[in-house]
Amino acid sequence: MIASVRFLKNDKCKSSNVCMIWKFVYKYCQRSEVCKKVFVSLFGDVCVKRLRCRQSYILQEITPKDMRCIGNTKRALPNKDVLLLNEHISSFPVSVTHYSSCQHRFLPSELDCQKMYAMFRTKYPNSPIIYKYYVNCFNIHFDLSFGPPQIAICVKCEELMVRLKSPYFNAVAKRVAEAKLQLHKCRSKKYFNKMKATREECQNNPELSGLCFD
């Protein structure tokens, strides 16, 4: 947006003697003179109050000051406490899904924000960080969830894990289930490594195309 000033009488900076000309710049740097109502309708974030502030700055020939981050900062947390919070959340083991098109990072299903915050308070009892700030930091700065998503669960893995944890199977059956689980994981790892290599090869060579059948 462009604003120019045209003085009507005696070149005095009074609102009654000054006419503001608002111009709209569109393609090929062409300018078109518009009225205030049209100018406000063209820009949704511009209101009449903002135009009046703009007009006063032009008349007084001053540059507006940036007042952001100059308010009351007494409630701001020290940087060392924020770093401790980030380090504490990053210290938990993170797992990555293998049965989805995009990677999904998640924490163990036994954890939740309340347990993690209780551990944080135990480790840093003098920290001023409250539970609400802890949860907000976790949700905003960490793309994590608790437990794997349902689409990332392998039916074969779940079946063998149930056999290993079940008290109704003897030691021999559990050893057989554990051997099958390790073999299944090795096969799935080989499959995904091959699929990843094929995807990279197709991306580097435009003459190739890959097909995947599950």
N, C-alpha and C. Protein backbone atom coordinates (compact mmCIF):
# COMPACT_ATOMS: atom_id res chain seq x y z
N MET A 1 0.84 -1.18 0.00
CA MET A 1 0.00 0.00 0.00
C MET A 1 0.88 1.24 0.00
N ILE A 2 0.39 2.33 -0.58
CA ILE A 2 1.12 3.58 -0.69
C ILE A 2 0.21 4.72 -0.28
N ALA A 3 0.75 5.60 0.55
CA ALA A 3 -0.01 6.77 0.99
C ALA A 3 0.79 8.02 0.68
N SER A 4 0.17 9.00 0.11
CA SER A 4 0.81 10.29 -0.18
C SER A 4 -0.02 11.41 0.43
N VAL A 5 0.63 12.55 0.67
CA VAL A 5 -0.01 13.68 1.35
C VAL A 5 -0.14 14.85 0.39
N ARG A 6 -1.28 15.49 0.46
CA ARG A 6 -1.49 16.69 -0.35
C ARG A 6 -2.09 17.75 0.57
N PHE A 7 -1.37 18.86 0.78
CA PHE A 7 -1.82 19.95 1.64
C PHE A 7 -2.73 20.89 0.85
N LEU A 8 -3.82 21.30 1.50
CA LEU A 8 -4.81 22.12 0.82
C LEU A 8 -4.61 23.61 1.07
N LYS A 9 -4.24 24.00 2.29
CA LYS A 9 -4.12 25.41 2.63
C LYS A 9 -2.87 25.66 3.46
N ASN A 10 -2.05 26.59 3.04
CA ASN A 10 -0.94 27.14 3.81
C ASN A 10 0.05 26.08 4.27
N ASP A 11 -0.02 24.88 3.74
CA ASP A 11 0.94 23.80 4.08
C ASP A 11 1.02 23.58 5.58
N LYS A 12 -0.10 23.63 6.29
CA LYS A 12 -0.12 23.38 7.73
C LYS A 12 -0.58 21.95 7.96
N CYS A 13 0.05 21.30 8.95
CA CYS A 13 -0.22 19.91 9.24
C CYS A 13 -1.42 19.80 10.18
N LYS A 14 -2.58 20.05 9.69
CA LYS A 14 -3.81 19.87 10.43
C LYS A 14 -4.70 18.90 9.67
N SER A 15 -5.48 18.16 10.44
CA SER A 15 -6.32 17.16 9.80
C SER A 15 -7.32 17.78 8.84
N SER A 16 -7.78 19.00 9.13
CA SER A 16 -8.77 19.63 8.26
C SER A 16 -8.15 20.20 6.99
N ASN A 17 -6.83 20.38 6.98
CA ASN A 17 -6.15 20.97 5.82
C ASN A 17 -5.37 19.94 5.01
N VAL A 18 -5.48 18.70 5.38
CA VAL A 18 -4.68 17.67 4.71
C VAL A 18 -5.62 16.64 4.09
N CYS A 19 -5.29 16.28 2.87
CA CYS A 19 -6.06 15.26 2.15
C CYS A 19 -5.13 14.07 1.88
N MET A 20 -5.51 12.90 2.39
CA MET A 20 -4.72 11.69 2.19
C MET A 20 -5.16 11.00 0.90
N ILE A 21 -4.19 10.65 0.09
CA ILE A 21 -4.44 9.95 -1.17
C ILE A 21 -3.91 8.53 -1.04
N TRP A 22 -4.80 7.56 -1.12
CA TRP A 22 -4.41 6.16 -0.99
C TRP A 22 -4.37 5.53 -2.37
N LYS A 23 -3.26 4.85 -2.66
CA LYS A 23 -3.07 4.24 -3.96
C LYS A 23 -2.84 2.75 -3.79
N PHE A 24 -3.39 2.00 -4.71
CA PHE A 24 -3.26 0.55 -4.71
C PHE A 24 -2.36 0.14 -5.88
N VAL A 25 -1.33 -0.67 -5.58
CA VAL A 25 -0.38 -1.12 -6.60
C VAL A 25 -0.74 -2.54 -7.01
N TYR A 26 -0.99 -2.77 -8.29
CA TYR A 26 -1.29 -4.10 -8.78
C TYR A 26 -0.26 -4.49 -9.83
N LYS A 27 -0.57 -5.45 -10.67
CA LYS A 27 0.41 -6.04 -11.56
C LYS A 27 1.05 -4.99 -12.47
N TYR A 28 2.29 -5.27 -12.85
CA TYR A 28 3.12 -4.41 -13.70
C TYR A 28 3.35 -3.04 -13.04
N CYS A 29 3.32 -3.02 -11.67
CA CYS A 29 3.62 -1.80 -10.91
C CYS A 29 2.70 -0.63 -11.26
N GLN A 30 1.49 -0.93 -11.68
CA GLN A 30 0.54 0.13 -11.98
C GLN A 30 -0.18 0.55 -10.70
N ARG A 31 -0.36 1.85 -10.54
CA ARG A 31 -0.98 2.41 -9.35
C ARG A 31 -2.34 3.01 -9.70
N SER A 32 -3.27 2.75 -8.81
CA SER A 32 -4.62 3.27 -9.01
C SER A 32 -5.06 3.95 -7.72
N GLU A 33 -5.55 5.17 -7.84
CA GLU A 33 -6.00 5.93 -6.67
C GLU A 33 -7.40 5.45 -6.25
N VAL A 34 -7.53 5.12 -4.97
CA VAL A 34 -8.78 4.59 -4.44
C VAL A 34 -9.16 5.37 -3.19
N CYS A 35 -10.41 5.26 -2.79
CA CYS A 35 -10.87 5.91 -1.56
C CYS A 35 -10.56 5.02 -0.35
N LYS A 36 -10.84 5.55 0.81
CA LYS A 36 -10.50 4.84 2.04
C LYS A 36 -11.31 3.54 2.18
N LYS A 37 -12.58 3.57 1.86
CA LYS A 37 -13.41 2.38 2.02
C LYS A 37 -12.95 1.26 1.11
N VAL A 38 -12.61 1.60 -0.11
CA VAL A 38 -12.13 0.58 -1.05
C VAL A 38 -10.79 0.03 -0.60
N PHE A 39 -9.93 0.91 -0.08
CA PHE A 39 -8.63 0.48 0.38
C PHE A 39 -8.75 -0.49 1.56
N VAL A 40 -9.67 -0.20 2.47
CA VAL A 40 -9.88 -1.08 3.62
C VAL A 40 -10.45 -2.42 3.17
N SER A 41 -11.33 -2.42 2.18
CA SER A 41 -11.92 -3.67 1.69
C SER A 41 -10.91 -4.53 0.94
N LEU A 42 -9.88 -3.90 0.34
CA LEU A 42 -8.87 -4.66 -0.39
C LEU A 42 -7.96 -5.44 0.55
N PHE A 43 -7.68 -4.90 1.72
CA PHE A 43 -6.80 -5.53 2.69
C PHE A 43 -7.62 -5.86 3.93
N GLY A 44 -7.79 -7.16 4.17
CA GLY A 44 -8.63 -7.57 5.28
C GLY A 44 -8.06 -7.23 6.64
N ASP A 45 -6.70 -7.17 6.78
CA ASP A 45 -6.08 -6.89 8.07
C ASP A 45 -5.90 -5.41 8.33
N VAL A 46 -6.39 -4.56 7.44
CA VAL A 46 -6.26 -3.11 7.61
C VAL A 46 -7.60 -2.56 8.07
N CYS A 47 -7.60 -1.83 9.16
CA CYS A 47 -8.81 -1.21 9.68
C CYS A 47 -8.66 0.32 9.62
N VAL A 48 -9.74 1.02 9.91
CA VAL A 48 -9.72 2.48 9.87
C VAL A 48 -8.77 3.05 10.92
N LYS A 49 -8.70 2.43 12.09
CA LYS A 49 -7.80 2.90 13.13
C LYS A 49 -6.35 2.80 12.69
N ARG A 50 -6.03 1.75 11.98
CA ARG A 50 -4.66 1.61 11.47
C ARG A 50 -4.34 2.66 10.42
N LEU A 51 -5.31 3.00 9.60
CA LEU A 51 -5.10 4.05 8.61
C LEU A 51 -4.88 5.41 9.28
N ARG A 52 -5.62 5.67 10.35
CA ARG A 52 -5.43 6.93 11.06
C ARG A 52 -4.04 7.02 11.69
N CYS A 53 -3.55 5.90 12.24
CA CYS A 53 -2.18 5.88 12.77
C CYS A 53 -1.18 6.14 11.67
N ARG A 54 -1.42 5.52 10.53
CA ARG A 54 -0.54 5.74 9.38
C ARG A 54 -0.55 7.20 8.95
N GLN A 55 -1.72 7.81 8.96
CA GLN A 55 -1.84 9.21 8.58
C GLN A 55 -1.11 10.11 9.56
N SER A 56 -1.21 9.82 10.86
CA SER A 56 -0.52 10.65 11.85
C SER A 56 0.99 10.51 11.72
N TYR A 57 1.49 9.32 11.40
CA TYR A 57 2.93 9.15 11.22
C TYR A 57 3.43 9.95 10.02
N ILE A 58 2.64 9.96 8.95
CA ILE A 58 3.05 10.71 7.75
C ILE A 58 3.06 12.21 8.02
N LEU A 59 2.03 12.69 8.71
CA LEU A 59 1.95 14.12 8.99
C LEU A 59 3.07 14.58 9.92
N GLN A 60 3.40 13.78 10.92
CA GLN A 60 4.45 14.14 11.86
C GLN A 60 5.84 13.78 11.38
N GLU A 61 5.92 13.07 10.26
CA GLU A 61 7.19 12.67 9.65
C GLU A 61 8.04 11.88 10.64
N ILE A 62 7.42 10.88 11.26
CA ILE A 62 8.13 10.02 12.18
C ILE A 62 7.97 8.58 11.73
N THR A 63 8.88 7.75 12.23
CA THR A 63 8.84 6.31 11.93
C THR A 63 8.30 5.57 13.14
N PRO A 64 7.31 4.72 12.97
CA PRO A 64 6.77 3.99 14.13
C PRO A 64 7.81 3.08 14.76
N LYS A 65 7.76 2.99 16.07
CA LYS A 65 8.71 2.16 16.81
C LYS A 65 8.14 0.74 16.96
N ASP A 66 9.04 -0.20 16.92
CA ASP A 66 8.66 -1.59 17.12
C ASP A 66 8.56 -1.85 18.62
N MET A 67 7.33 -2.01 19.11
CA MET A 67 7.10 -2.19 20.54
C MET A 67 6.95 -3.66 20.93
N ARG A 68 7.25 -4.56 20.02
CA ARG A 68 7.14 -5.98 20.35
C ARG A 68 8.24 -6.41 21.31
N CYS A 69 7.88 -7.30 22.22
CA CYS A 69 8.79 -7.85 23.22
C CYS A 69 9.36 -6.79 24.16
N ILE A 70 8.65 -5.67 24.31
CA ILE A 70 9.11 -4.63 25.23
C ILE A 70 8.21 -4.58 26.46
N GLY A 71 7.17 -5.38 26.49
CA GLY A 71 6.25 -5.36 27.62
C GLY A 71 6.83 -5.99 28.86
N ASN A 72 5.97 -6.33 29.77
CA ASN A 72 6.38 -6.91 31.04
C ASN A 72 6.88 -8.33 30.83
N THR A 73 8.15 -8.58 31.15
CA THR A 73 8.76 -9.90 30.98
C THR A 73 9.13 -10.53 32.32
N LYS A 74 8.49 -10.11 33.40
CA LYS A 74 8.80 -10.67 34.70
C LYS A 74 8.40 -12.13 34.81
N ARG A 75 7.37 -12.53 34.06
CA ARG A 75 6.90 -13.91 34.12
C ARG A 75 7.63 -14.82 33.15
N ALA A 76 8.54 -14.27 32.36
CA ALA A 76 9.29 -15.10 31.41
C ALA A 76 10.24 -16.02 32.16
N LEU A 77 10.31 -17.27 31.71
CA LEU A 77 11.18 -18.25 32.36
C LEU A 77 12.61 -18.08 31.90
N PRO A 78 13.58 -18.33 32.78
CA PRO A 78 14.99 -18.26 32.37
C PRO A 78 15.30 -19.30 31.30
N ASN A 79 16.30 -18.98 30.49
CA ASN A 79 16.67 -19.89 29.40
C ASN A 79 17.19 -21.22 29.92
N LYS A 80 17.87 -21.19 31.07
CA LYS A 80 18.43 -22.44 31.59
C LYS A 80 17.32 -23.43 31.98
N ASP A 81 16.20 -22.92 32.52
CA ASP A 81 15.10 -23.80 32.86
C ASP A 81 14.42 -24.38 31.62
N VAL A 82 14.31 -23.56 30.57
CA VAL A 82 13.72 -24.06 29.32
C VAL A 82 14.62 -25.12 28.69
N LEU A 83 15.93 -24.92 28.76
CA LEU A 83 16.85 -25.92 28.22
C LEU A 83 16.78 -27.22 29.00
N LEU A 84 16.64 -27.13 30.33
CA LEU A 84 16.48 -28.34 31.14
C LEU A 84 15.21 -29.09 30.76
N LEU A 85 14.14 -28.33 30.49
CA LEU A 85 12.88 -28.96 30.08
C LEU A 85 13.03 -29.70 28.76
N ASN A 86 13.67 -29.06 27.78
CA ASN A 86 13.86 -29.70 26.47
C ASN A 86 14.77 -30.93 26.58
N GLU A 87 15.82 -30.82 27.39
CA GLU A 87 16.71 -31.97 27.57
C GLU A 87 16.00 -33.12 28.26
N HIS A 88 15.11 -32.81 29.20
CA HIS A 88 14.40 -33.88 29.91
C HIS A 88 13.45 -34.62 28.98
N ILE A 89 12.72 -33.90 28.15
CA ILE A 89 11.81 -34.57 27.21
C ILE A 89 12.59 -35.36 26.16
N SER A 90 13.72 -34.82 25.72
CA SER A 90 14.53 -35.51 24.71
C SER A 90 15.23 -36.74 25.26
N SER A 91 15.32 -36.88 26.58
CA SER A 91 16.03 -38.01 27.17
C SER A 91 15.23 -39.31 27.11
N PHE A 92 13.94 -39.26 26.84
CA PHE A 92 13.12 -40.47 26.79
C PHE A 92 13.34 -41.21 25.46
N PRO A 93 13.31 -42.53 25.50
CA PRO A 93 13.53 -43.30 24.25
C PRO A 93 12.39 -43.11 23.27
N VAL A 94 12.74 -42.87 22.03
CA VAL A 94 11.76 -42.62 20.97
C VAL A 94 11.81 -43.76 19.97
N SER A 95 10.66 -44.26 19.59
CA SER A 95 10.55 -45.32 18.58
C SER A 95 9.94 -44.75 17.31
N VAL A 96 10.21 -45.43 16.20
CA VAL A 96 9.72 -44.99 14.89
C VAL A 96 8.93 -46.12 14.26
N THR A 97 7.79 -45.82 13.68
CA THR A 97 6.97 -46.84 13.05
C THR A 97 7.63 -47.35 11.77
N HIS A 98 7.26 -48.57 11.38
CA HIS A 98 7.78 -49.19 10.16
C HIS A 98 6.67 -49.66 9.24
N TYR A 99 5.41 -49.56 9.66
CA TYR A 99 4.31 -50.08 8.87
C TYR A 99 3.40 -48.97 8.37
N SER A 100 3.97 -47.82 8.05
CA SER A 100 3.19 -46.72 7.51
C SER A 100 4.01 -46.03 6.44
N SER A 101 3.35 -45.24 5.59
CA SER A 101 4.04 -44.57 4.50
C SER A 101 4.97 -43.47 4.98
N CYS A 102 4.65 -42.84 6.10
CA CYS A 102 5.49 -41.78 6.66
C CYS A 102 5.92 -42.18 8.06
N GLN A 103 7.09 -41.70 8.47
CA GLN A 103 7.61 -42.03 9.79
C GLN A 103 6.79 -41.35 10.88
N HIS A 104 6.54 -42.09 11.92
CA HIS A 104 5.78 -41.59 13.07
C HIS A 104 6.58 -41.90 14.32
N ARG A 105 6.95 -40.87 15.08
CA ARG A 105 7.76 -41.03 16.27
C ARG A 105 6.86 -41.05 17.50
N PHE A 106 7.11 -41.98 18.39
CA PHE A 106 6.25 -42.11 19.56
C PHE A 106 7.07 -42.59 20.75
N LEU A 107 6.55 -42.31 21.94
CA LEU A 107 7.14 -42.74 23.21
C LEU A 107 6.45 -44.02 23.68
N PRO A 108 7.02 -44.70 24.67
CA PRO A 108 6.36 -45.91 25.19
C PRO A 108 4.95 -45.62 25.69
N SER A 109 4.07 -46.58 25.51
CA SER A 109 2.67 -46.39 25.90
C SER A 109 2.50 -46.30 27.41
N GLU A 110 3.50 -46.73 28.19
CA GLU A 110 3.39 -46.64 29.65
C GLU A 110 3.53 -45.22 30.16
N LEU A 111 4.05 -44.31 29.34
CA LEU A 111 4.27 -42.94 29.76
C LEU A 111 3.07 -42.06 29.43
N ASP A 112 2.99 -40.92 30.08
CA ASP A 112 2.07 -39.83 29.74
C ASP A 112 2.67 -38.54 30.29
N CYS A 113 2.02 -37.43 30.00
CA CYS A 113 2.58 -36.13 30.40
C CYS A 113 2.65 -35.99 31.93
N GLN A 114 1.70 -36.53 32.63
CA GLN A 114 1.72 -36.43 34.09
C GLN A 114 2.90 -37.19 34.69
N LYS A 115 3.16 -38.39 34.20
CA LYS A 115 4.30 -39.16 34.70
C LYS A 115 5.62 -38.48 34.34
N MET A 116 5.70 -37.94 33.13
CA MET A 116 6.93 -37.27 32.72
C MET A 116 7.18 -36.01 33.54
N TYR A 117 6.11 -35.28 33.82
CA TYR A 117 6.27 -34.07 34.64
C TYR A 117 6.65 -34.43 36.08
N ALA A 118 6.09 -35.54 36.61
CA ALA A 118 6.47 -35.98 37.96
C ALA A 118 7.95 -36.34 38.02
N MET A 119 8.46 -36.98 36.96
CA MET A 119 9.89 -37.27 36.91
C MET A 119 10.71 -35.99 36.83
N PHE A 120 10.21 -35.03 36.08
CA PHE A 120 10.92 -33.75 35.95
C PHE A 120 10.98 -33.02 37.30
N ARG A 121 9.87 -33.01 38.06
CA ARG A 121 9.86 -32.36 39.36
C ARG A 121 10.76 -33.08 40.36
N THR A 122 10.84 -34.41 40.23
CA THR A 122 11.73 -35.16 41.11
C THR A 122 13.19 -34.85 40.82
N LYS A 123 13.51 -34.69 39.54
CA LYS A 123 14.90 -34.43 39.17
C LYS A 123 15.27 -32.98 39.39
N TYR A 124 14.33 -32.06 39.15
CA TYR A 124 14.58 -30.62 39.34
C TYR A 124 13.49 -30.06 40.25
N PRO A 125 13.61 -30.24 41.56
CA PRO A 125 12.54 -29.79 42.47
C PRO A 125 12.43 -28.27 42.58
N ASN A 126 13.49 -27.53 42.27
CA ASN A 126 13.47 -26.07 42.40
C ASN A 126 13.12 -25.36 41.09
N SER A 127 12.76 -26.09 40.08
CA SER A 127 12.44 -25.47 38.80
C SER A 127 11.09 -24.76 38.87
N PRO A 128 10.98 -23.56 38.28
CA PRO A 128 9.69 -22.83 38.31
C PRO A 128 8.70 -23.28 37.25
N ILE A 129 9.03 -24.27 36.46
CA ILE A 129 8.16 -24.71 35.37
C ILE A 129 6.95 -25.44 35.95
N ILE A 130 5.77 -25.04 35.53
CA ILE A 130 4.53 -25.66 35.99
C ILE A 130 4.08 -26.72 34.98
N TYR A 131 3.05 -27.47 35.36
CA TYR A 131 2.59 -28.58 34.53
C TYR A 131 2.02 -28.07 33.20
N LYS A 132 1.29 -26.96 33.22
CA LYS A 132 0.69 -26.43 32.00
C LYS A 132 1.75 -26.04 30.99
N TYR A 133 2.81 -25.39 31.44
CA TYR A 133 3.89 -25.00 30.53
C TYR A 133 4.60 -26.23 30.00
N TYR A 134 4.75 -27.26 30.82
CA TYR A 134 5.40 -28.50 30.39
C TYR A 134 4.61 -29.15 29.25
N VAL A 135 3.29 -29.22 29.42
CA VAL A 135 2.44 -29.84 28.39
C VAL A 135 2.45 -29.02 27.10
N ASN A 136 2.39 -27.70 27.23
CA ASN A 136 2.42 -26.86 26.03
C ASN A 136 3.73 -27.02 25.27
N CYS A 137 4.82 -27.07 25.98
CA CYS A 137 6.12 -27.27 25.33
C CYS A 137 6.19 -28.63 24.65
N PHE A 138 5.64 -29.64 25.29
CA PHE A 138 5.65 -30.98 24.69
C PHE A 138 4.80 -31.03 23.42
N ASN A 139 3.65 -30.39 23.44
CA ASN A 139 2.75 -30.44 22.28
C ASN A 139 3.23 -29.58 21.12
N ILE A 140 3.92 -28.48 21.40
CA ILE A 140 4.30 -27.54 20.36
C ILE A 140 5.66 -27.90 19.75
N HIS A 141 6.64 -28.22 20.58
CA HIS A 141 8.02 -28.37 20.11
C HIS A 141 8.42 -29.83 19.87
N PHE A 142 7.59 -30.79 20.26
CA PHE A 142 7.94 -32.19 20.08
C PHE A 142 6.79 -32.90 19.37
N ASP A 143 7.10 -33.45 18.23
CA ASP A 143 6.11 -34.19 17.44
C ASP A 143 6.11 -35.65 17.90
N LEU A 144 5.57 -35.89 19.08
CA LEU A 144 5.60 -37.22 19.69
C LEU A 144 4.20 -37.59 20.16
N SER A 145 3.97 -38.89 20.24
CA SER A 145 2.74 -39.42 20.80
C SER A 145 3.11 -40.56 21.74
N PHE A 146 2.12 -41.08 22.44
CA PHE A 146 2.35 -42.17 23.38
C PHE A 146 1.79 -43.45 22.79
N GLY A 147 2.68 -44.41 22.55
CA GLY A 147 2.26 -45.67 21.97
C GLY A 147 2.20 -45.61 20.46
N PRO A 148 2.36 -46.72 19.77
CA PRO A 148 2.30 -46.73 18.31
C PRO A 148 0.89 -46.53 17.81
N PRO A 149 0.72 -45.93 16.65
CA PRO A 149 -0.63 -45.79 16.06
C PRO A 149 -1.18 -47.14 15.63
N GLN A 150 -2.49 -47.22 15.51
CA GLN A 150 -3.12 -48.49 15.16
C GLN A 150 -2.72 -48.97 13.77
N ILE A 151 -2.48 -48.03 12.85
CA ILE A 151 -2.12 -48.44 11.49
C ILE A 151 -0.71 -48.99 11.43
N ALA A 152 0.10 -48.77 12.49
CA ALA A 152 1.48 -49.22 12.48
C ALA A 152 1.66 -50.55 13.20
N ILE A 153 0.60 -51.24 13.58
CA ILE A 153 0.68 -52.50 14.32
C ILE A 153 0.65 -53.67 13.34
N CYS A 154 1.61 -54.54 13.49
CA CYS A 154 1.67 -55.74 12.67
C CYS A 154 0.91 -56.85 13.39
N VAL A 155 0.02 -57.51 12.68
CA VAL A 155 -0.80 -58.57 13.28
C VAL A 155 0.06 -59.74 13.71
N LYS A 156 1.04 -60.09 12.89
CA LYS A 156 1.93 -61.21 13.22
C LYS A 156 2.74 -60.91 14.47
N CYS A 157 3.27 -59.70 14.58
CA CYS A 157 4.04 -59.32 15.76
C CYS A 157 3.17 -59.34 17.01
N GLU A 158 1.95 -58.83 16.89
CA GLU A 158 1.05 -58.82 18.04
C GLU A 158 0.70 -60.24 18.49
N GLU A 159 0.49 -61.13 17.54
CA GLU A 159 0.15 -62.52 17.89
C GLU A 159 1.30 -63.19 18.62
N LEU A 160 2.53 -63.01 18.13
CA LEU A 160 3.68 -63.64 18.78
C LEU A 160 3.98 -63.01 20.13
N MET A 161 3.77 -61.69 20.25
CA MET A 161 4.00 -61.03 21.53
C MET A 161 3.01 -61.50 22.59
N VAL A 162 1.78 -61.76 22.18
CA VAL A 162 0.78 -62.28 23.12
C VAL A 162 1.19 -63.66 23.61
N ARG A 163 1.72 -64.48 22.74
CA ARG A 163 2.18 -65.81 23.15
C ARG A 163 3.34 -65.72 24.13
N LEU A 164 4.25 -64.76 23.90
CA LEU A 164 5.39 -64.63 24.80
C LEU A 164 4.97 -64.15 26.19
N LYS A 165 3.94 -63.30 26.26
CA LYS A 165 3.51 -62.76 27.54
C LYS A 165 2.44 -63.61 28.23
N SER A 166 1.89 -64.55 27.53
CA SER A 166 0.80 -65.35 28.09
C SER A 166 1.33 -66.35 29.12
N PRO A 167 0.66 -66.48 30.26
CA PRO A 167 1.10 -67.47 31.26
C PRO A 167 0.64 -68.89 30.94
N TYR A 168 -0.15 -69.08 29.90
CA TYR A 168 -0.70 -70.40 29.57
C TYR A 168 0.20 -71.18 28.62
N PHE A 169 1.30 -70.58 28.14
CA PHE A 169 2.24 -71.28 27.26
C PHE A 169 3.48 -71.66 28.07
N ASN A 170 3.99 -72.86 27.80
CA ASN A 170 5.19 -73.31 28.52
C ASN A 170 6.45 -72.71 27.91
N ALA A 171 7.60 -73.07 28.45
CA ALA A 171 8.87 -72.49 28.03
C ALA A 171 9.20 -72.87 26.59
N VAL A 172 8.89 -74.09 26.19
CA VAL A 172 9.20 -74.53 24.83
C VAL A 172 8.39 -73.73 23.81
N ALA A 173 7.09 -73.55 24.07
CA ALA A 173 6.25 -72.78 23.15
C ALA A 173 6.70 -71.33 23.07
N LYS A 174 7.15 -70.78 24.19
CA LYS A 174 7.62 -69.39 24.18
C LYS A 174 8.92 -69.25 23.40
N ARG A 175 9.81 -70.26 23.50
CA ARG A 175 11.05 -70.19 22.72
C ARG A 175 10.75 -70.27 21.22
N VAL A 176 9.79 -71.10 20.85
CA VAL A 176 9.40 -71.19 19.44
C VAL A 176 8.80 -69.88 18.96
N ALA A 177 7.95 -69.27 19.80
CA ALA A 177 7.35 -67.98 19.43
C ALA A 177 8.41 -66.89 19.32
N GLU A 178 9.39 -66.91 20.20
CA GLU A 178 10.46 -65.90 20.14
C GLU A 178 11.30 -66.07 18.88
N ALA A 179 11.58 -67.33 18.51
CA ALA A 179 12.34 -67.58 17.27
C ALA A 179 11.56 -67.11 16.05
N LYS A 180 10.25 -67.38 16.02
CA LYS A 180 9.42 -66.91 14.90
C LYS A 180 9.37 -65.38 14.84
N LEU A 181 9.32 -64.76 16.02
CA LEU A 181 9.28 -63.29 16.04
C LEU A 181 10.56 -62.68 15.50
N GLN A 182 11.71 -63.24 15.88
CA GLN A 182 12.98 -62.73 15.37
C GLN A 182 13.09 -62.94 13.87
N LEU A 183 12.64 -64.11 13.38
CA LEU A 183 12.67 -64.37 11.94
C LEU A 183 11.74 -63.41 11.20
N HIS A 184 10.57 -63.15 11.77
CA HIS A 184 9.62 -62.23 11.14
C HIS A 184 10.20 -60.81 11.08
N LYS A 185 10.86 -60.36 12.14
CA LYS A 185 11.47 -59.03 12.15
C LYS A 185 12.61 -58.93 11.15
N CYS A 186 13.40 -59.98 11.01
CA CYS A 186 14.49 -59.96 10.02
C CYS A 186 13.94 -59.88 8.60
N ARG A 187 12.87 -60.61 8.34
CA ARG A 187 12.27 -60.56 7.00
C ARG A 187 11.66 -59.19 6.71
N SER A 188 10.98 -58.63 7.70
CA SER A 188 10.37 -57.31 7.49
C SER A 188 11.44 -56.24 7.31
N LYS A 189 12.55 -56.34 8.05
CA LYS A 189 13.64 -55.37 7.90
C LYS A 189 14.26 -55.46 6.51
N LYS A 190 14.46 -56.69 6.04
CA LYS A 190 15.00 -56.88 4.69
C LYS A 190 14.05 -56.33 3.64
N TYR A 191 12.76 -56.53 3.86
CA TYR A 191 11.76 -56.02 2.91
C TYR A 191 11.76 -54.50 2.85
N PHE A 192 11.78 -53.85 4.01
CA PHE A 192 11.74 -52.39 4.02
C PHE A 192 13.05 -51.78 3.52
N ASN A 193 14.17 -52.43 3.78
CA ASN A 193 15.43 -51.93 3.23
C ASN A 193 15.43 -52.02 1.71
N LYS A 194 14.89 -53.12 1.18
CA LYS A 194 14.80 -53.27 -0.27
C LYS A 194 13.84 -52.23 -0.86
N MET A 195 12.73 -51.97 -0.18
CA MET A 195 11.77 -50.98 -0.66
C MET A 195 12.38 -49.58 -0.63
N LYS A 196 13.15 -49.27 0.42
CA LYS A 196 13.80 -47.97 0.51
C LYS A 196 14.83 -47.80 -0.59
N ALA A 197 15.63 -48.84 -0.86
CA ALA A 197 16.63 -48.76 -1.91
C ALA A 197 15.97 -48.59 -3.28
N THR A 198 14.86 -49.29 -3.50
CA THR A 198 14.15 -49.15 -4.78
C THR A 198 13.58 -47.74 -4.94
N ARG A 199 13.04 -47.18 -3.88
CA ARG A 199 12.50 -45.82 -3.95
C ARG A 199 13.60 -44.81 -4.27
N GLU A 200 14.75 -44.93 -3.63
CA GLU A 200 15.85 -44.01 -3.90
C GLU A 200 16.37 -44.18 -5.33
N GLU A 201 16.42 -45.42 -5.81
CA GLU A 201 16.89 -45.65 -7.18
C GLU A 201 15.93 -45.07 -8.20
N CYS A 202 14.63 -45.18 -7.95
CA CYS A 202 13.63 -44.61 -8.86
C CYS A 202 13.65 -43.08 -8.83
N GLN A 203 13.94 -42.50 -7.67
CA GLN A 203 14.03 -41.05 -7.59
C GLN A 203 15.25 -40.50 -8.32
N ASN A 204 16.35 -41.25 -8.29
CA ASN A 204 17.57 -40.79 -8.97
C ASN A 204 17.55 -41.06 -10.47
N ASN A 205 16.82 -42.09 -10.89
CA ASN A 205 16.77 -42.44 -12.31
C ASN A 205 15.33 -42.28 -12.80
N PRO A 206 15.04 -41.25 -13.62
CA PRO A 206 13.66 -41.04 -14.08
C PRO A 206 13.16 -42.12 -15.02
N GLU A 207 14.05 -42.97 -15.56
CA GLU A 207 13.63 -44.01 -16.49
C GLU A 207 13.11 -45.24 -15.77
N LEU A 208 13.25 -45.32 -14.46
CA LEU A 208 12.81 -46.48 -13.68
C LEU A 208 11.54 -46.15 -12.90
N SER A 209 10.75 -47.17 -12.66
CA SER A 209 9.56 -47.04 -11.83
C SER A 209 9.43 -48.32 -11.01
N GLY A 210 9.08 -48.15 -9.74
CA GLY A 210 9.00 -49.30 -8.84
C GLY A 210 7.58 -49.56 -8.39
N LEU A 211 7.26 -50.86 -8.19
CA LEU A 211 5.96 -51.28 -7.70
C LEU A 211 6.16 -52.09 -6.44
N CYS A 212 5.29 -51.86 -5.46
CA CYS A 212 5.40 -52.55 -4.18
C CYS A 212 4.10 -53.30 -3.90
N PHE A 213 4.22 -54.62 -3.59
CA PHE A 213 3.06 -55.43 -3.26
C PHE A 213 3.26 -56.00 -1.86
N ASP A 214 2.28 -55.74 -0.99
CA ASP A 214 2.38 -56.22 0.39
C ASP A 214 1.55 -57.50 0.54
